[in-house]
N, C-alpha and C. Protein backbone atom coordinates (compact mmCIF):
# COMPACT_ATOMS: atom_id res chain seq x y z
N MET A 1 -2.25 15.12 18.72
CA MET A 1 -2.69 15.69 17.44
C MET A 1 -4.09 15.16 17.11
N PRO A 2 -4.90 15.96 16.43
CA PRO A 2 -6.26 15.52 16.11
C PRO A 2 -6.26 14.36 15.12
N LEU A 3 -7.30 13.56 15.19
CA LEU A 3 -7.46 12.44 14.28
C LEU A 3 -7.75 12.95 12.88
N ARG A 4 -6.97 12.48 11.91
CA ARG A 4 -7.16 12.88 10.51
C ARG A 4 -7.50 11.72 9.59
N ALA A 5 -7.04 10.50 9.93
CA ALA A 5 -7.19 9.39 8.98
C ALA A 5 -7.60 8.10 9.68
N ILE A 6 -8.46 7.36 9.02
CA ILE A 6 -8.85 6.01 9.44
C ILE A 6 -8.29 5.04 8.42
N LEU A 7 -7.54 4.05 8.89
CA LEU A 7 -6.93 3.06 8.01
C LEU A 7 -7.58 1.70 8.27
N PHE A 8 -8.38 1.25 7.33
CA PHE A 8 -9.10 -0.01 7.45
C PHE A 8 -8.26 -1.17 6.93
N ASP A 9 -8.20 -2.24 7.70
CA ASP A 9 -7.82 -3.52 7.14
C ASP A 9 -8.93 -3.95 6.17
N HIS A 10 -8.66 -4.93 5.33
CA HIS A 10 -9.66 -5.38 4.35
C HIS A 10 -10.31 -6.69 4.79
N ASP A 11 -9.59 -7.80 4.65
CA ASP A 11 -10.16 -9.12 4.94
C ASP A 11 -10.49 -9.27 6.42
N GLY A 12 -11.74 -9.55 6.71
CA GLY A 12 -12.17 -9.74 8.08
C GLY A 12 -12.58 -8.46 8.78
N THR A 13 -12.26 -7.31 8.18
CA THR A 13 -12.60 -6.02 8.78
C THR A 13 -13.64 -5.30 7.93
N LEU A 14 -13.31 -5.05 6.68
CA LEU A 14 -14.29 -4.46 5.76
C LEU A 14 -15.16 -5.53 5.11
N VAL A 15 -14.56 -6.69 4.84
CA VAL A 15 -15.31 -7.75 4.15
C VAL A 15 -15.21 -9.06 4.91
N ASN A 16 -16.27 -9.86 4.80
CA ASN A 16 -16.34 -11.15 5.48
C ASN A 16 -15.74 -12.22 4.57
N SER A 17 -14.43 -12.18 4.44
CA SER A 17 -13.75 -13.04 3.47
C SER A 17 -13.15 -14.30 4.08
N GLU A 18 -12.95 -14.33 5.40
CA GLU A 18 -12.24 -15.46 5.98
C GLU A 18 -12.93 -16.81 5.72
N PRO A 19 -14.27 -16.92 5.83
CA PRO A 19 -14.88 -18.22 5.50
C PRO A 19 -14.60 -18.66 4.06
N ILE A 20 -14.52 -17.70 3.15
CA ILE A 20 -14.23 -18.03 1.76
C ILE A 20 -12.78 -18.46 1.60
N HIS A 21 -11.86 -17.73 2.25
CA HIS A 21 -10.45 -18.13 2.21
C HIS A 21 -10.26 -19.52 2.81
N PHE A 22 -10.98 -19.82 3.87
CA PHE A 22 -10.92 -21.16 4.46
C PHE A 22 -11.35 -22.21 3.44
N ASP A 23 -12.48 -21.98 2.78
CA ASP A 23 -12.96 -22.94 1.79
C ASP A 23 -11.96 -23.13 0.64
N LEU A 24 -11.32 -22.03 0.23
CA LEU A 24 -10.34 -22.13 -0.86
C LEU A 24 -9.12 -22.92 -0.43
N TRP A 25 -8.65 -22.70 0.80
CA TRP A 25 -7.52 -23.49 1.31
C TRP A 25 -7.90 -24.96 1.44
N VAL A 26 -9.13 -25.24 1.87
CA VAL A 26 -9.59 -26.63 1.95
C VAL A 26 -9.48 -27.30 0.59
N THR A 27 -9.94 -26.59 -0.45
CA THR A 27 -9.90 -27.14 -1.81
C THR A 27 -8.47 -27.39 -2.27
N VAL A 28 -7.60 -26.41 -2.04
CA VAL A 28 -6.20 -26.54 -2.48
C VAL A 28 -5.52 -27.71 -1.76
N LEU A 29 -5.68 -27.79 -0.44
CA LEU A 29 -4.98 -28.81 0.33
C LEU A 29 -5.56 -30.21 0.10
N SER A 30 -6.83 -30.29 -0.29
CA SER A 30 -7.43 -31.60 -0.57
C SER A 30 -6.73 -32.30 -1.72
N ARG A 31 -6.12 -31.52 -2.61
CA ARG A 31 -5.37 -32.11 -3.73
C ARG A 31 -4.15 -32.89 -3.24
N TYR A 32 -3.72 -32.60 -2.04
CA TYR A 32 -2.56 -33.27 -1.46
C TYR A 32 -2.95 -34.24 -0.36
N GLY A 33 -4.25 -34.53 -0.28
CA GLY A 33 -4.74 -35.48 0.72
C GLY A 33 -4.83 -34.92 2.12
N ILE A 34 -4.84 -33.59 2.22
CA ILE A 34 -4.90 -32.93 3.52
C ILE A 34 -6.32 -32.44 3.78
N SER A 35 -6.85 -32.75 4.96
CA SER A 35 -8.18 -32.28 5.36
C SER A 35 -8.00 -31.18 6.40
N LEU A 36 -8.02 -29.94 5.95
CA LEU A 36 -7.86 -28.80 6.85
C LEU A 36 -9.17 -28.56 7.60
N THR A 37 -9.08 -28.48 8.93
CA THR A 37 -10.27 -28.23 9.72
C THR A 37 -10.43 -26.73 9.98
N GLU A 38 -11.66 -26.34 10.31
CA GLU A 38 -11.90 -24.93 10.61
C GLU A 38 -11.11 -24.50 11.84
N GLN A 39 -10.97 -25.39 12.82
CA GLN A 39 -10.22 -25.06 14.01
C GLN A 39 -8.74 -24.82 13.68
N GLN A 40 -8.18 -25.65 12.81
CA GLN A 40 -6.79 -25.44 12.38
C GLN A 40 -6.64 -24.10 11.66
N TYR A 41 -7.61 -23.79 10.82
CA TYR A 41 -7.54 -22.51 10.10
C TYR A 41 -7.60 -21.35 11.07
N LYS A 42 -8.51 -21.41 12.04
CA LYS A 42 -8.62 -20.34 13.03
C LYS A 42 -7.32 -20.16 13.81
N GLU A 43 -6.72 -21.27 14.23
CA GLU A 43 -5.54 -21.22 15.08
C GLU A 43 -4.29 -20.74 14.35
N HIS A 44 -4.15 -21.11 13.07
CA HIS A 44 -2.87 -20.90 12.40
C HIS A 44 -2.91 -19.97 11.18
N TYR A 45 -4.07 -19.79 10.54
CA TYR A 45 -4.05 -19.17 9.22
C TYR A 45 -4.94 -17.95 9.04
N ALA A 46 -5.95 -17.79 9.87
CA ALA A 46 -6.87 -16.66 9.71
C ALA A 46 -6.12 -15.34 9.88
N GLY A 47 -6.29 -14.45 8.91
CA GLY A 47 -5.68 -13.14 8.99
C GLY A 47 -4.21 -13.09 8.62
N VAL A 48 -3.65 -14.20 8.15
CA VAL A 48 -2.24 -14.27 7.80
C VAL A 48 -2.11 -14.25 6.28
N PRO A 49 -1.15 -13.47 5.73
CA PRO A 49 -0.98 -13.43 4.27
C PRO A 49 -0.72 -14.81 3.67
N THR A 50 -1.12 -14.97 2.43
CA THR A 50 -1.04 -16.27 1.76
C THR A 50 0.37 -16.85 1.76
N ASN A 51 1.37 -16.03 1.48
CA ASN A 51 2.74 -16.55 1.40
C ASN A 51 3.19 -17.15 2.73
N ALA A 52 2.85 -16.48 3.83
CA ALA A 52 3.21 -17.01 5.15
C ALA A 52 2.42 -18.28 5.45
N ASN A 53 1.16 -18.31 5.07
CA ASN A 53 0.36 -19.52 5.26
C ASN A 53 0.94 -20.69 4.47
N ALA A 54 1.39 -20.42 3.26
CA ALA A 54 1.94 -21.48 2.41
C ALA A 54 3.17 -22.11 3.05
N ILE A 55 4.03 -21.27 3.61
CA ILE A 55 5.22 -21.79 4.30
C ILE A 55 4.81 -22.71 5.44
N ASP A 56 3.80 -22.30 6.20
CA ASP A 56 3.36 -23.09 7.34
C ASP A 56 2.71 -24.41 6.93
N VAL A 57 1.84 -24.38 5.92
CA VAL A 57 1.14 -25.63 5.56
C VAL A 57 2.11 -26.66 5.00
N VAL A 58 3.10 -26.21 4.26
CA VAL A 58 4.09 -27.15 3.71
C VAL A 58 4.86 -27.81 4.85
N ARG A 59 5.23 -27.00 5.85
CA ARG A 59 5.98 -27.54 7.00
C ARG A 59 5.07 -28.39 7.89
N ARG A 60 3.91 -27.86 8.22
CA ARG A 60 3.03 -28.53 9.18
C ARG A 60 2.52 -29.87 8.66
N PHE A 61 2.16 -29.92 7.38
CA PHE A 61 1.58 -31.14 6.82
C PHE A 61 2.57 -31.94 5.98
N GLN A 62 3.83 -31.47 5.95
CA GLN A 62 4.91 -32.18 5.25
C GLN A 62 4.51 -32.49 3.80
N ILE A 63 4.10 -31.46 3.10
CA ILE A 63 3.67 -31.61 1.72
C ILE A 63 4.89 -31.51 0.80
N ASP A 64 4.96 -32.38 -0.17
CA ASP A 64 6.09 -32.40 -1.11
C ASP A 64 5.86 -31.40 -2.24
N VAL A 65 5.91 -30.13 -1.88
CA VAL A 65 5.73 -29.05 -2.84
C VAL A 65 6.37 -27.81 -2.22
N THR A 66 6.80 -26.88 -3.04
CA THR A 66 7.39 -25.66 -2.49
C THR A 66 6.31 -24.72 -1.98
N PRO A 67 6.63 -23.92 -0.98
CA PRO A 67 5.65 -22.92 -0.52
C PRO A 67 5.22 -21.99 -1.65
N GLU A 68 6.13 -21.64 -2.54
CA GLU A 68 5.79 -20.75 -3.65
C GLU A 68 4.74 -21.37 -4.56
N ALA A 69 4.86 -22.66 -4.79
CA ALA A 69 3.93 -23.34 -5.68
C ALA A 69 2.54 -23.43 -5.06
N ILE A 70 2.48 -23.76 -3.78
CA ILE A 70 1.16 -23.90 -3.16
C ILE A 70 0.53 -22.53 -2.93
N ALA A 71 1.36 -21.51 -2.69
CA ALA A 71 0.82 -20.14 -2.59
C ALA A 71 0.19 -19.72 -3.92
N GLU A 72 0.83 -20.08 -5.02
CA GLU A 72 0.28 -19.72 -6.32
C GLU A 72 -1.02 -20.48 -6.59
N GLU A 73 -1.12 -21.72 -6.12
CA GLU A 73 -2.39 -22.46 -6.25
C GLU A 73 -3.50 -21.73 -5.51
N LYS A 74 -3.20 -21.29 -4.29
CA LYS A 74 -4.21 -20.55 -3.51
C LYS A 74 -4.53 -19.23 -4.17
N ASN A 75 -3.53 -18.51 -4.65
CA ASN A 75 -3.78 -17.23 -5.32
C ASN A 75 -4.61 -17.42 -6.58
N ALA A 76 -4.34 -18.50 -7.32
CA ALA A 76 -5.12 -18.78 -8.52
C ALA A 76 -6.57 -19.08 -8.18
N ALA A 77 -6.78 -19.82 -7.09
CA ALA A 77 -8.15 -20.11 -6.65
C ALA A 77 -8.87 -18.84 -6.24
N THR A 78 -8.15 -17.93 -5.57
CA THR A 78 -8.75 -16.66 -5.17
C THR A 78 -9.10 -15.82 -6.38
N ARG A 79 -8.18 -15.75 -7.35
CA ARG A 79 -8.46 -14.99 -8.57
C ARG A 79 -9.67 -15.55 -9.30
N GLU A 80 -9.79 -16.86 -9.34
CA GLU A 80 -10.94 -17.48 -10.00
C GLU A 80 -12.24 -17.09 -9.30
N PHE A 81 -12.23 -17.11 -7.97
CA PHE A 81 -13.41 -16.70 -7.22
C PHE A 81 -13.77 -15.25 -7.53
N LEU A 82 -12.76 -14.38 -7.56
CA LEU A 82 -13.01 -12.95 -7.73
C LEU A 82 -13.39 -12.56 -9.15
N ARG A 83 -13.21 -13.46 -10.10
CA ARG A 83 -13.62 -13.14 -11.47
C ARG A 83 -15.13 -12.90 -11.56
N GLY A 84 -15.87 -13.61 -10.74
CA GLY A 84 -17.33 -13.43 -10.83
C GLY A 84 -17.96 -13.02 -9.52
N ASN A 85 -17.14 -12.75 -8.51
CA ASN A 85 -17.69 -12.45 -7.19
C ASN A 85 -16.85 -11.38 -6.50
N SER A 86 -17.37 -10.88 -5.40
CA SER A 86 -16.59 -10.07 -4.47
C SER A 86 -16.93 -10.55 -3.07
N PHE A 87 -16.05 -10.27 -2.13
CA PHE A 87 -16.33 -10.65 -0.76
C PHE A 87 -17.44 -9.76 -0.20
N PRO A 88 -18.38 -10.31 0.56
CA PRO A 88 -19.47 -9.48 1.11
C PRO A 88 -18.95 -8.53 2.18
N LEU A 89 -19.51 -7.34 2.21
CA LEU A 89 -19.14 -6.36 3.23
C LEU A 89 -19.55 -6.85 4.62
N MET A 90 -18.74 -6.53 5.61
CA MET A 90 -19.10 -6.83 7.00
C MET A 90 -20.27 -5.94 7.41
N ASN A 91 -21.05 -6.43 8.36
CA ASN A 91 -22.17 -5.66 8.87
C ASN A 91 -21.67 -4.33 9.44
N GLY A 92 -22.24 -3.24 8.96
CA GLY A 92 -21.87 -1.92 9.45
C GLY A 92 -20.69 -1.29 8.77
N ALA A 93 -20.00 -2.02 7.89
CA ALA A 93 -18.79 -1.48 7.25
C ALA A 93 -19.12 -0.27 6.38
N LEU A 94 -20.16 -0.37 5.57
CA LEU A 94 -20.51 0.75 4.71
C LEU A 94 -20.94 1.97 5.53
N ASP A 95 -21.67 1.73 6.60
CA ASP A 95 -22.08 2.83 7.48
C ASP A 95 -20.85 3.53 8.07
N ALA A 96 -19.86 2.75 8.48
CA ALA A 96 -18.65 3.33 9.06
C ALA A 96 -17.90 4.16 8.02
N ILE A 97 -17.77 3.62 6.82
CA ILE A 97 -17.08 4.34 5.76
C ILE A 97 -17.74 5.69 5.50
N MET A 98 -19.05 5.68 5.36
CA MET A 98 -19.76 6.91 5.04
C MET A 98 -19.78 7.89 6.23
N ASP A 99 -19.90 7.37 7.43
CA ASP A 99 -19.90 8.22 8.62
C ASP A 99 -18.56 8.94 8.77
N PHE A 100 -17.48 8.20 8.65
CA PHE A 100 -16.16 8.80 8.81
C PHE A 100 -15.86 9.79 7.68
N ARG A 101 -16.32 9.45 6.49
CA ARG A 101 -16.10 10.37 5.37
C ARG A 101 -16.85 11.68 5.59
N GLU A 102 -18.09 11.58 6.04
CA GLU A 102 -18.90 12.78 6.28
C GLU A 102 -18.30 13.66 7.38
N ARG A 103 -17.54 13.06 8.27
CA ARG A 103 -16.90 13.81 9.33
C ARG A 103 -15.56 14.41 8.90
N GLY A 104 -15.23 14.25 7.63
CA GLY A 104 -14.03 14.86 7.09
C GLY A 104 -12.75 14.09 7.30
N LEU A 105 -12.87 12.83 7.71
CA LEU A 105 -11.68 12.01 7.90
C LEU A 105 -11.20 11.43 6.57
N THR A 106 -9.90 11.33 6.42
CA THR A 106 -9.31 10.70 5.25
C THR A 106 -9.31 9.19 5.46
N LEU A 107 -9.68 8.45 4.43
CA LEU A 107 -9.83 7.00 4.55
C LEU A 107 -8.81 6.27 3.70
N GLY A 108 -8.27 5.19 4.24
CA GLY A 108 -7.35 4.34 3.49
C GLY A 108 -7.64 2.88 3.78
N ILE A 109 -7.18 2.02 2.90
CA ILE A 109 -7.25 0.58 3.10
C ILE A 109 -5.82 0.06 3.15
N VAL A 110 -5.51 -0.72 4.18
CA VAL A 110 -4.17 -1.28 4.35
C VAL A 110 -4.33 -2.77 4.58
N THR A 111 -3.98 -3.56 3.59
CA THR A 111 -4.16 -5.01 3.67
C THR A 111 -2.85 -5.74 3.44
N GLY A 112 -2.69 -6.85 4.11
CA GLY A 112 -1.52 -7.68 3.89
C GLY A 112 -1.70 -8.62 2.72
N ALA A 113 -2.92 -8.72 2.22
CA ALA A 113 -3.21 -9.59 1.08
C ALA A 113 -2.95 -8.85 -0.24
N GLY A 114 -3.19 -9.55 -1.35
CA GLY A 114 -3.00 -8.94 -2.65
C GLY A 114 -4.07 -7.92 -2.98
N PHE A 115 -3.84 -7.18 -4.06
CA PHE A 115 -4.73 -6.09 -4.43
C PHE A 115 -6.04 -6.58 -5.04
N GLU A 116 -6.07 -7.80 -5.59
CA GLU A 116 -7.25 -8.24 -6.34
C GLU A 116 -8.53 -8.18 -5.50
N GLY A 117 -8.44 -8.64 -4.25
CA GLY A 117 -9.63 -8.65 -3.40
C GLY A 117 -10.13 -7.25 -3.11
N VAL A 118 -9.22 -6.32 -2.82
CA VAL A 118 -9.62 -4.94 -2.57
C VAL A 118 -10.25 -4.33 -3.81
N ASP A 119 -9.64 -4.58 -4.94
CA ASP A 119 -10.15 -4.03 -6.19
C ASP A 119 -11.58 -4.51 -6.44
N ALA A 120 -11.83 -5.80 -6.20
CA ALA A 120 -13.18 -6.34 -6.39
C ALA A 120 -14.17 -5.68 -5.43
N THR A 121 -13.74 -5.44 -4.19
CA THR A 121 -14.61 -4.78 -3.21
C THR A 121 -14.95 -3.36 -3.64
N LEU A 122 -13.94 -2.62 -4.07
CA LEU A 122 -14.16 -1.23 -4.47
C LEU A 122 -15.08 -1.16 -5.68
N ARG A 123 -14.89 -2.04 -6.66
CA ARG A 123 -15.72 -2.02 -7.86
C ARG A 123 -17.14 -2.46 -7.57
N ALA A 124 -17.31 -3.51 -6.79
CA ALA A 124 -18.65 -4.05 -6.52
C ALA A 124 -19.51 -3.08 -5.72
N ASN A 125 -18.86 -2.26 -4.89
CA ASN A 125 -19.61 -1.36 -4.00
C ASN A 125 -19.46 0.11 -4.37
N ASP A 126 -18.87 0.37 -5.53
CA ASP A 126 -18.70 1.74 -6.04
C ASP A 126 -18.02 2.63 -5.00
N LEU A 127 -16.89 2.14 -4.46
CA LEU A 127 -16.19 2.85 -3.40
C LEU A 127 -14.83 3.38 -3.83
N GLY A 128 -14.54 3.30 -5.11
CA GLY A 128 -13.21 3.68 -5.57
C GLY A 128 -12.81 5.10 -5.23
N SER A 129 -13.78 6.02 -5.22
CA SER A 129 -13.46 7.43 -4.98
C SER A 129 -13.45 7.78 -3.50
N VAL A 130 -13.84 6.84 -2.65
CA VAL A 130 -13.97 7.12 -1.22
C VAL A 130 -12.63 7.04 -0.49
N PHE A 131 -11.77 6.15 -0.96
CA PHE A 131 -10.49 5.91 -0.27
C PHE A 131 -9.36 6.66 -0.96
N SER A 132 -8.61 7.40 -0.15
CA SER A 132 -7.53 8.24 -0.69
C SER A 132 -6.25 7.44 -0.93
N ALA A 133 -6.13 6.27 -0.33
CA ALA A 133 -4.96 5.42 -0.54
C ALA A 133 -5.33 3.97 -0.28
N VAL A 134 -4.77 3.09 -1.10
CA VAL A 134 -4.91 1.65 -0.90
C VAL A 134 -3.51 1.06 -0.95
N VAL A 135 -3.12 0.36 0.10
CA VAL A 135 -1.84 -0.32 0.14
C VAL A 135 -2.11 -1.80 0.38
N SER A 136 -1.55 -2.65 -0.46
CA SER A 136 -1.72 -4.09 -0.32
C SER A 136 -0.37 -4.76 -0.12
N GLY A 137 -0.41 -6.04 0.13
CA GLY A 137 0.82 -6.80 0.28
C GLY A 137 1.66 -6.80 -0.98
N ASP A 138 1.04 -6.49 -2.12
CA ASP A 138 1.79 -6.41 -3.38
C ASP A 138 2.73 -5.20 -3.40
N ASP A 139 2.50 -4.22 -2.53
CA ASP A 139 3.24 -2.96 -2.58
C ASP A 139 4.46 -2.94 -1.68
N VAL A 140 4.66 -3.97 -0.87
CA VAL A 140 5.75 -3.96 0.10
C VAL A 140 6.50 -5.28 0.06
N SER A 141 7.74 -5.25 0.52
CA SER A 141 8.55 -6.47 0.57
C SER A 141 8.12 -7.37 1.72
N LEU A 142 7.77 -6.75 2.85
CA LEU A 142 7.35 -7.50 4.03
C LEU A 142 5.91 -7.14 4.35
N SER A 143 5.04 -8.14 4.37
CA SER A 143 3.63 -7.91 4.66
C SER A 143 3.41 -7.95 6.17
N LYS A 144 2.17 -7.75 6.59
CA LYS A 144 1.85 -7.84 8.01
C LYS A 144 2.31 -9.20 8.57
N PRO A 145 2.85 -9.24 9.79
CA PRO A 145 2.81 -8.24 10.86
C PRO A 145 3.91 -7.18 10.81
N ALA A 146 4.71 -7.15 9.76
CA ALA A 146 5.67 -6.05 9.61
C ALA A 146 4.90 -4.75 9.41
N PRO A 147 5.47 -3.61 9.77
CA PRO A 147 4.76 -2.33 9.68
C PRO A 147 4.79 -1.68 8.31
N ASP A 148 5.47 -2.31 7.35
CA ASP A 148 5.75 -1.66 6.06
C ASP A 148 4.52 -1.11 5.36
N CYS A 149 3.44 -1.88 5.33
CA CYS A 149 2.24 -1.44 4.61
C CYS A 149 1.63 -0.20 5.27
N TYR A 150 1.66 -0.13 6.59
CA TYR A 150 1.15 1.05 7.28
C TYR A 150 2.05 2.26 7.09
N LEU A 151 3.35 2.04 7.10
CA LEU A 151 4.29 3.14 6.87
C LEU A 151 4.09 3.72 5.48
N LEU A 152 3.88 2.85 4.49
CA LEU A 152 3.65 3.32 3.13
C LEU A 152 2.33 4.07 3.02
N ALA A 153 1.30 3.59 3.69
CA ALA A 153 0.00 4.26 3.65
C ALA A 153 0.10 5.67 4.24
N MET A 154 0.81 5.81 5.34
CA MET A 154 0.97 7.14 5.93
C MET A 154 1.73 8.07 5.00
N LYS A 155 2.73 7.53 4.33
CA LYS A 155 3.49 8.34 3.37
C LYS A 155 2.60 8.81 2.24
N LYS A 156 1.76 7.90 1.72
CA LYS A 156 0.85 8.26 0.63
C LYS A 156 -0.17 9.32 1.05
N LEU A 157 -0.63 9.23 2.29
CA LEU A 157 -1.66 10.15 2.77
C LEU A 157 -1.08 11.44 3.34
N GLY A 158 0.21 11.45 3.60
CA GLY A 158 0.83 12.64 4.17
C GLY A 158 0.42 12.90 5.60
N VAL A 159 0.29 11.82 6.40
CA VAL A 159 -0.13 11.95 7.79
C VAL A 159 0.90 11.30 8.69
N GLN A 160 0.86 11.69 9.98
CA GLN A 160 1.72 11.10 10.99
C GLN A 160 0.96 9.99 11.72
N ALA A 161 1.70 9.10 12.36
CA ALA A 161 1.07 8.00 13.08
C ALA A 161 0.10 8.49 14.14
N SER A 162 0.43 9.59 14.81
CA SER A 162 -0.43 10.12 15.87
C SER A 162 -1.74 10.68 15.34
N GLU A 163 -1.84 10.85 14.02
CA GLU A 163 -3.05 11.39 13.40
C GLU A 163 -3.94 10.28 12.83
N CYS A 164 -3.54 9.02 13.05
CA CYS A 164 -4.25 7.89 12.44
C CYS A 164 -4.81 6.94 13.48
N VAL A 165 -5.81 6.21 13.06
CA VAL A 165 -6.30 5.04 13.80
C VAL A 165 -6.49 3.93 12.79
N ALA A 166 -5.98 2.75 13.12
CA ALA A 166 -6.18 1.57 12.29
C ALA A 166 -7.32 0.74 12.85
N ILE A 167 -8.00 0.01 11.98
CA ILE A 167 -9.06 -0.91 12.39
C ILE A 167 -8.68 -2.28 11.87
N GLU A 168 -8.50 -3.24 12.77
CA GLU A 168 -8.01 -4.57 12.42
C GLU A 168 -8.82 -5.64 13.12
N ASP A 169 -8.83 -6.84 12.54
CA ASP A 169 -9.56 -7.95 13.15
C ASP A 169 -8.65 -9.05 13.64
N THR A 170 -7.33 -8.94 13.43
CA THR A 170 -6.43 -10.02 13.82
C THR A 170 -5.23 -9.49 14.60
N GLN A 171 -4.58 -10.39 15.30
CA GLN A 171 -3.36 -10.06 16.03
C GLN A 171 -2.26 -9.63 15.08
N HIS A 172 -2.16 -10.27 13.92
CA HIS A 172 -1.12 -9.92 12.96
C HIS A 172 -1.29 -8.48 12.48
N GLY A 173 -2.53 -8.10 12.18
CA GLY A 173 -2.78 -6.74 11.75
C GLY A 173 -2.51 -5.73 12.85
N LEU A 174 -2.92 -6.07 14.08
CA LEU A 174 -2.66 -5.21 15.22
C LEU A 174 -1.16 -5.00 15.41
N LYS A 175 -0.38 -6.06 15.28
CA LYS A 175 1.08 -5.95 15.42
C LYS A 175 1.65 -5.01 14.37
N ALA A 176 1.14 -5.09 13.15
CA ALA A 176 1.64 -4.23 12.08
C ALA A 176 1.37 -2.76 12.38
N ALA A 177 0.14 -2.47 12.80
CA ALA A 177 -0.22 -1.09 13.13
C ALA A 177 0.59 -0.59 14.32
N HIS A 178 0.69 -1.42 15.35
CA HIS A 178 1.42 -1.05 16.56
C HIS A 178 2.88 -0.78 16.25
N ALA A 179 3.48 -1.62 15.40
CA ALA A 179 4.89 -1.43 15.05
C ALA A 179 5.11 -0.15 14.26
N ALA A 180 4.07 0.33 13.58
CA ALA A 180 4.16 1.59 12.85
C ALA A 180 3.83 2.79 13.73
N GLY A 181 3.51 2.53 15.00
CA GLY A 181 3.19 3.61 15.93
C GLY A 181 1.77 4.10 15.86
N ILE A 182 0.89 3.31 15.22
CA ILE A 182 -0.50 3.73 15.01
C ILE A 182 -1.42 3.07 16.03
N ARG A 183 -2.30 3.85 16.63
CA ARG A 183 -3.32 3.31 17.52
C ARG A 183 -4.24 2.39 16.71
N CYS A 184 -4.71 1.33 17.36
CA CYS A 184 -5.50 0.34 16.62
C CYS A 184 -6.73 -0.07 17.41
N LEU A 185 -7.86 -0.05 16.73
CA LEU A 185 -9.11 -0.60 17.26
C LEU A 185 -9.25 -2.02 16.74
N ALA A 186 -9.40 -2.97 17.64
CA ALA A 186 -9.55 -4.37 17.25
C ALA A 186 -11.02 -4.74 17.21
N VAL A 187 -11.41 -5.41 16.12
CA VAL A 187 -12.79 -5.87 15.96
C VAL A 187 -12.73 -7.36 15.62
N PRO A 188 -12.59 -8.21 16.62
CA PRO A 188 -12.42 -9.64 16.36
C PRO A 188 -13.64 -10.25 15.66
N THR A 189 -13.36 -11.28 14.87
CA THR A 189 -14.40 -12.08 14.24
C THR A 189 -14.39 -13.47 14.88
N PRO A 190 -15.36 -14.33 14.55
CA PRO A 190 -15.30 -15.69 15.08
C PRO A 190 -14.00 -16.42 14.73
N MET A 191 -13.36 -16.01 13.64
CA MET A 191 -12.10 -16.63 13.24
C MET A 191 -10.91 -16.13 14.07
N SER A 192 -11.05 -14.96 14.70
CA SER A 192 -9.88 -14.36 15.36
C SER A 192 -10.10 -13.98 16.82
N MET A 193 -11.24 -14.34 17.38
CA MET A 193 -11.55 -13.88 18.73
C MET A 193 -10.59 -14.44 19.79
N HIS A 194 -9.84 -15.49 19.44
CA HIS A 194 -8.88 -16.06 20.38
C HIS A 194 -7.52 -15.37 20.30
N HIS A 195 -7.34 -14.41 19.38
CA HIS A 195 -6.06 -13.73 19.23
C HIS A 195 -5.78 -12.81 20.42
N ASP A 196 -4.52 -12.43 20.56
CA ASP A 196 -4.10 -11.54 21.64
C ASP A 196 -4.21 -10.09 21.16
N PHE A 197 -5.15 -9.34 21.71
CA PHE A 197 -5.36 -7.95 21.34
C PHE A 197 -4.95 -6.99 22.46
N GLY A 198 -3.96 -7.41 23.24
CA GLY A 198 -3.54 -6.63 24.39
C GLY A 198 -3.02 -5.25 24.05
N ASP A 199 -2.49 -5.05 22.83
CA ASP A 199 -1.94 -3.76 22.43
C ASP A 199 -2.97 -2.84 21.79
N ALA A 200 -4.21 -3.30 21.69
CA ALA A 200 -5.23 -2.49 21.02
C ALA A 200 -5.67 -1.32 21.89
N LEU A 201 -6.03 -0.24 21.25
CA LEU A 201 -6.61 0.91 21.94
C LEU A 201 -7.92 0.52 22.60
N ALA A 202 -8.69 -0.31 21.89
CA ALA A 202 -9.94 -0.85 22.42
C ALA A 202 -10.29 -2.09 21.60
N VAL A 203 -10.99 -3.02 22.21
CA VAL A 203 -11.49 -4.21 21.53
C VAL A 203 -13.00 -4.07 21.48
N LEU A 204 -13.54 -4.03 20.27
CA LEU A 204 -14.95 -3.69 20.07
C LEU A 204 -15.69 -4.80 19.34
N ASP A 205 -16.96 -4.89 19.61
CA ASP A 205 -17.80 -5.92 19.02
C ASP A 205 -18.57 -5.35 17.84
N GLY A 206 -17.96 -5.41 16.66
CA GLY A 206 -18.65 -5.00 15.45
C GLY A 206 -18.42 -3.56 15.05
N MET A 207 -18.61 -3.29 13.77
CA MET A 207 -18.35 -1.97 13.21
C MET A 207 -19.28 -0.88 13.76
N PRO A 208 -20.55 -1.16 14.07
CA PRO A 208 -21.37 -0.11 14.69
C PRO A 208 -20.75 0.45 15.97
N ASN A 209 -20.11 -0.42 16.76
CA ASN A 209 -19.45 0.04 17.97
C ASN A 209 -18.18 0.83 17.67
N VAL A 210 -17.55 0.52 16.54
CA VAL A 210 -16.39 1.30 16.12
C VAL A 210 -16.82 2.74 15.81
N ILE A 211 -17.93 2.89 15.12
CA ILE A 211 -18.45 4.22 14.80
C ILE A 211 -18.67 5.02 16.08
N GLU A 212 -19.30 4.40 17.06
CA GLU A 212 -19.59 5.09 18.32
C GLU A 212 -18.31 5.43 19.06
N TYR A 213 -17.35 4.52 19.06
CA TYR A 213 -16.09 4.78 19.77
C TYR A 213 -15.35 5.95 19.14
N VAL A 214 -15.23 5.94 17.83
CA VAL A 214 -14.53 7.03 17.16
C VAL A 214 -15.25 8.36 17.40
N ARG A 215 -16.56 8.33 17.32
CA ARG A 215 -17.36 9.54 17.47
C ARG A 215 -17.22 10.14 18.87
N HIS A 216 -17.27 9.28 19.90
CA HIS A 216 -17.34 9.79 21.27
C HIS A 216 -15.99 9.83 21.99
N SER A 217 -15.00 9.04 21.50
CA SER A 217 -13.72 8.97 22.22
C SER A 217 -12.55 9.59 21.45
N LEU A 218 -12.64 9.68 20.14
CA LEU A 218 -11.50 10.16 19.35
C LEU A 218 -11.74 11.47 18.63
N LEU A 219 -13.00 11.90 18.56
CA LEU A 219 -13.31 13.14 17.84
C LEU A 219 -13.88 14.22 18.76
N ARG A 220 -13.68 14.09 20.04
CA ARG A 220 -14.24 15.07 20.99
C ARG A 220 -13.39 16.33 21.01
């Protein structure tokens, strides 16, 4: 079936948010005497929803607090950041959005994180009218790597998996798309380049290459 929809991940794909999330986790964990390194963040936490990260940090560092409590600390820190800021767009992200839109493709955002970050991105870049559906981790019981968010996005857009391509930067996101039956283009970042992208349709270096791949390989 012809390609009808592009489903973008948010953090690490549309916006360069992972360094900021790392800094926020560093701040939260420092309250418990934990010094989180960038290497630890890359190996265990990049691209993973906050609730899952909270479960891991409590277990890994043996912190005397519930995962729910530390997740709320991280969420509160993120909300505070987003009150006056938005995550910067990845290089080429805006070009990709506009190129795909001009080609008549339907666009969606599918994130395992909460809606606040996406909302800030859409408002800061005046993109609210560009995306036909936004699904966040707030909308489903199971976030990525479960397929629920992608299944919901397809339902909202009225498209089949064979008519979609997802764009993801992490193994967790790729697993979610793959489990939903959706082809996925992987665009690793320095935080995720060590992930396993074996199930990806292609592994590409940056959004400009995504534009070229879609143009020459998926829209012919």
